[in-house]
């Protein structure tokens, strides 16, 4: 996970002034990394109540405020009102609805024409069909997992 995180953030470069959404945040380590690299507005979404204490403890050391939302990712997407420059999705590997969630994000106010969406997934779970407004720009392998990089398709 550390090698993957370092590689992903190295490819993103400086995040100064950018907004960052960390969905399925778990302990909040990705959100903290975004904060340490200059992201100015950060939200972390986690549904698992057992992770709440650790998440709040971890984000308390952030140099910028990390807004924690404790709800299902699907509900968060339905209620979304603002867009983010970077969205990082790290659903649990057994989560079966990652591609549907990605399509719902693509159709929501969460993205703008400049948004980048990254999704961490198991190697064997591949995209079954294209999502009209998203274009996969890159896929990077890390052991048995892959991080896909999506950008909003320019028409």
Protein backbone atom coordinates (compact mmCIF):
# COMPACT_ATOMS: atom_id res chain seq x y z
CA UNK A 1 0.00 0.00 0.00
CA UNK A 2 2.85 2.42 0.79
CA UNK A 3 4.51 1.85 -2.60
CA UNK A 4 1.18 2.31 -4.36
CA UNK A 5 0.41 5.50 -2.43
CA UNK A 6 3.84 7.01 -3.14
CA UNK A 7 3.64 6.16 -6.83
CA UNK A 8 0.10 7.51 -7.24
CA UNK A 9 0.89 10.79 -5.51
CA UNK A 10 4.16 11.17 -7.42
CA UNK A 11 2.17 10.92 -10.66
CA UNK A 12 -0.32 13.55 -9.43
CA UNK A 13 2.42 16.03 -8.55
CA UNK A 14 1.81 19.16 -6.53
CA UNK A 15 -1.77 19.39 -5.26
CA UNK A 16 -1.55 23.00 -4.08
CA UNK A 17 -4.94 24.66 -4.25
CA UNK A 18 -6.73 21.53 -5.49
CA UNK A 19 -9.75 19.84 -3.96
CA UNK A 20 -9.52 16.14 -3.12
CA UNK A 21 -12.20 13.54 -2.35
CA UNK A 22 -11.16 10.28 -0.67
CA UNK A 23 -14.00 7.75 -0.87
CA UNK A 24 -13.84 4.56 1.23
CA UNK A 25 -11.16 6.41 3.21
CA UNK A 26 -10.71 3.83 5.99
CA UNK A 27 -8.06 5.28 8.32
CA UNK A 28 -7.75 8.46 6.23
CA UNK A 29 -4.15 7.89 5.13
CA UNK A 30 -4.86 8.91 1.50
CA UNK A 31 -6.63 12.10 2.64
CA UNK A 32 -3.66 12.89 4.90
CA UNK A 33 -1.27 12.35 2.01
CA UNK A 34 -3.32 14.76 -0.13
CA UNK A 35 -3.15 17.33 2.68
CA UNK A 36 0.61 16.92 3.02
CA UNK A 37 0.96 17.55 -0.73
CA UNK A 38 -0.96 20.82 -0.64
CA UNK A 39 -4.61 20.00 -1.32
CA UNK A 40 -6.63 22.89 0.03
CA UNK A 41 -10.08 21.31 0.40
CA UNK A 42 -10.41 17.64 1.34
CA UNK A 43 -13.35 15.39 2.10
CA UNK A 44 -13.06 11.82 3.35
CA UNK A 45 -16.03 9.46 3.07
CA UNK A 46 -16.33 6.31 5.19
CA UNK A 47 -19.34 4.20 6.10
CA UNK A 48 -17.74 1.74 8.55
CA UNK A 49 -18.54 2.99 12.06
CA UNK A 50 -15.68 0.90 13.47
CA UNK A 51 -13.18 3.06 11.55
CA UNK A 52 -14.62 6.37 12.78
CA UNK A 53 -12.42 6.78 15.87
CA UNK A 54 -9.17 5.98 14.05
CA UNK A 55 -10.13 8.22 11.12
CA UNK A 56 -10.91 11.19 13.36
CA UNK A 57 -7.71 10.63 15.34
CA UNK A 58 -5.60 10.49 12.16
CA UNK A 59 -7.11 13.53 10.43
CA UNK A 60 -6.63 15.62 13.56
CA UNK A 61 -2.91 15.90 12.69
CA UNK A 62 -3.58 17.27 9.21
CA UNK A 63 -2.15 20.69 8.31
CA UNK A 64 -5.53 21.52 6.68
CA UNK A 65 -9.03 20.57 7.70
CA UNK A 66 -10.21 17.22 6.37
CA UNK A 67 -14.01 17.11 6.31
CA UNK A 68 -15.18 13.61 7.27
CA UNK A 69 -18.50 12.30 6.03
CA UNK A 70 -19.77 9.12 7.66
CA UNK A 71 -22.13 7.58 5.13
CA UNK A 72 -22.31 5.09 2.29
CA UNK A 73 -20.46 6.15 -0.84
CA UNK A 74 -23.62 5.72 -2.90
CA UNK A 75 -25.55 8.10 -0.64
CA UNK A 76 -22.70 10.61 -0.73
CA UNK A 77 -22.78 10.60 -4.55
CA UNK A 78 -26.57 11.10 -4.59
CA UNK A 79 -26.27 14.11 -2.27
CA UNK A 80 -23.23 15.64 -3.98
CA UNK A 81 -23.33 19.35 -4.69
CA UNK A 82 -19.71 20.31 -5.41
CA UNK A 83 -17.03 19.10 -7.77
CA UNK A 84 -13.53 17.94 -6.92
CA UNK A 85 -10.29 18.19 -8.84
CA UNK A 86 -9.21 14.70 -7.76
CA UNK A 87 -11.38 11.81 -6.61
CA UNK A 88 -9.74 8.70 -5.16
CA UNK A 89 -11.86 5.55 -4.85
CA UNK A 90 -10.57 2.65 -2.79
CA UNK A 91 -13.58 0.35 -2.32
CA UNK A 92 -13.05 -2.91 -0.46
CA UNK A 93 -11.95 -5.57 -2.94
CA UNK A 94 -15.16 -7.64 -2.50
CA UNK A 95 -17.33 -4.54 -3.23
CA UNK A 96 -19.31 -5.52 -6.34
CA UNK A 97 -20.63 -2.13 -7.45
CA UNK A 98 -17.43 -0.20 -8.15
CA UNK A 99 -18.12 0.28 -11.85
CA UNK A 100 -21.71 1.38 -11.21
CA UNK A 101 -20.44 3.79 -8.56
CA UNK A 102 -17.89 5.18 -11.02
CA UNK A 103 -20.65 5.71 -13.61
CA UNK A 104 -22.80 7.46 -10.99
CA UNK A 105 -19.90 9.72 -10.06
CA UNK A 106 -19.39 10.56 -13.74
CA UNK A 107 -23.05 11.62 -13.95
CA UNK A 108 -22.96 13.65 -10.73
CA UNK A 109 -21.91 17.17 -9.74
CA UNK A 110 -18.74 15.62 -8.24
CA UNK A 111 -16.84 16.02 -11.50
CA UNK A 112 -15.95 18.99 -13.66
CA UNK A 113 -14.19 19.12 -17.02
CA UNK A 114 -10.85 19.13 -15.18
CA UNK A 115 -11.49 16.29 -12.71
CA UNK A 116 -9.29 13.22 -12.39
CA UNK A 117 -10.69 10.03 -10.89
CA UNK A 118 -8.46 7.27 -9.59
CA UNK A 119 -9.77 3.85 -8.62
CA UNK A 120 -7.87 1.17 -6.72
CA UNK A 121 -9.17 -2.29 -7.57
CA UNK A 122 -8.18 -5.96 -7.68
CA UNK A 123 -6.42 -7.05 -10.86
CA UNK A 124 -9.16 -9.56 -11.75
CA UNK A 125 -11.97 -7.00 -11.55
CA UNK A 126 -11.88 -5.28 -14.93
CA UNK A 127 -14.10 -2.62 -16.46
CA UNK A 128 -16.90 -4.25 -18.39
CA UNK A 129 -18.10 -1.27 -20.42
CA UNK A 130 -17.02 2.28 -21.14
CA UNK A 131 -18.39 5.20 -19.14
CA UNK A 132 -19.40 7.84 -21.66
CA UNK A 133 -17.82 10.93 -20.12
CA UNK A 134 -14.69 9.25 -18.74
CA UNK A 135 -11.56 8.18 -20.53
CA UNK A 136 -9.06 5.80 -18.96
CA UNK A 137 -5.65 7.40 -19.36
CA UNK A 138 -3.50 4.95 -17.42
CA UNK A 139 -3.52 1.79 -15.32
CA UNK A 140 -0.71 0.95 -12.92
CA UNK A 141 -0.15 -2.45 -11.35
CA UNK A 142 0.86 -2.92 -7.72
CA UNK A 143 1.06 -6.60 -6.83
CA UNK A 144 -2.46 -8.02 -7.09
CA UNK A 145 -4.05 -4.61 -7.46
CA UNK A 146 -4.37 -1.89 -10.09
CA UNK A 147 -4.98 1.84 -9.94
CA UNK A 148 -6.90 3.18 -12.95
CA UNK A 149 -6.61 6.88 -13.86
CA UNK A 150 -9.68 8.41 -15.49
CA UNK A 151 -10.11 11.89 -16.94
CA UNK A 152 -13.20 13.65 -18.19
CA UNK A 153 -13.39 13.10 -21.93
CA UNK A 154 -12.98 16.32 -23.90
CA UNK A 155 -15.50 16.53 -26.73
